[in-house]
Amino acid sequence: MTDNEKRAHDIALALLAEIIKPQYLANAVVGGSKSATVDAYVKYKTAYDSALNALNRDYPSGS
């Protein structure tokens, strides 16, 4: 795993709760169910890919 991959992972994890929370709450309110689901992996992967692309662009050597 490169340094940029590690950084992207950390960024994605830090953002994940803030990304999922509003969507979970919106699903629960609209659906009227406490069992509303959000695919955490898809949200993580989207955040990870976005962060990795930006890091690779700004820090091509990974440092």
Protein backbone atom coordinates (compact mmCIF):
# COMPACT_ATOMS: atom_id res chain seq x y z
CA MET A 1 0.00 0.00 0.00
CA THR A 2 1.45 3.38 -0.98
CA ASP A 3 1.49 6.41 1.28
CA ASN A 4 -1.23 8.01 -0.84
CA GLU A 5 -3.37 4.87 -0.52
CA LYS A 6 -2.93 4.98 3.27
CA ARG A 7 -3.84 8.66 3.33
CA ALA A 8 -6.88 8.09 1.11
CA HIS A 9 -8.03 5.29 3.41
CA ASP A 10 -7.70 7.53 6.47
CA ILE A 11 -9.60 10.35 4.76
CA ALA A 12 -12.37 8.01 3.60
CA LEU A 13 -12.80 6.59 7.10
CA ALA A 14 -12.87 10.05 8.64
CA LEU A 15 -15.59 11.15 6.22
CA LEU A 16 -17.65 7.97 6.26
CA ALA A 17 -19.78 8.75 9.31
CA GLU A 18 -20.61 12.20 8.01
CA ILE A 19 -21.48 10.79 4.58
CA ILE A 20 -23.69 8.00 5.89
CA LYS A 21 -25.50 9.76 8.73
CA PRO A 22 -27.68 12.14 6.67
CA GLN A 23 -28.55 9.43 4.15
CA TYR A 24 -29.47 6.98 6.88
CA LEU A 25 -31.66 9.55 8.59
CA ALA A 26 -33.34 10.54 5.31
CA ASN A 27 -34.07 6.90 4.51
CA ALA A 28 -35.48 6.32 7.98
CA VAL A 29 -37.77 9.35 7.77
CA VAL A 30 -38.99 8.68 4.22
CA GLY A 31 -39.39 4.96 4.74
CA GLY A 32 -40.67 5.30 8.28
CA SER A 33 -38.42 2.44 9.29
CA LYS A 34 -35.57 2.23 11.73
CA SER A 35 -34.04 -0.47 9.55
CA ALA A 36 -33.09 1.83 6.68
CA THR A 37 -29.82 0.75 5.12
CA VAL A 38 -26.99 2.54 3.40
CA ASP A 39 -24.23 0.62 1.63
CA ALA A 40 -21.22 1.74 3.68
CA TYR A 41 -18.74 0.05 1.36
CA VAL A 42 -19.99 1.93 -1.69
CA LYS A 43 -19.79 5.22 0.22
CA TYR A 44 -16.30 4.37 1.53
CA LYS A 45 -15.07 3.36 -1.95
CA THR A 46 -16.39 6.56 -3.50
CA ALA A 47 -14.67 8.70 -0.85
CA TYR A 48 -11.48 6.61 -1.09
CA ASP A 49 -11.28 6.84 -4.89
CA SER A 50 -11.91 10.58 -4.82
CA ALA A 51 -9.27 11.17 -2.16
CA LEU A 52 -6.74 8.91 -3.89
CA ASN A 53 -7.20 10.69 -7.22
CA ALA A 54 -6.66 14.08 -5.57
CA LEU A 55 -3.64 12.87 -3.59
CA ASN A 56 -2.05 11.28 -6.66
CA ARG A 57 -2.59 14.50 -8.59
CA ASP A 58 -1.18 16.76 -5.86
CA TYR A 59 1.52 14.36 -4.59
CA PRO A 60 2.50 12.15 -7.54
CA SER A 61 5.52 10.73 -5.72
CA GLY A 62 3.33 9.79 -2.76
CA SER A 63 5.22 11.95 -0.31
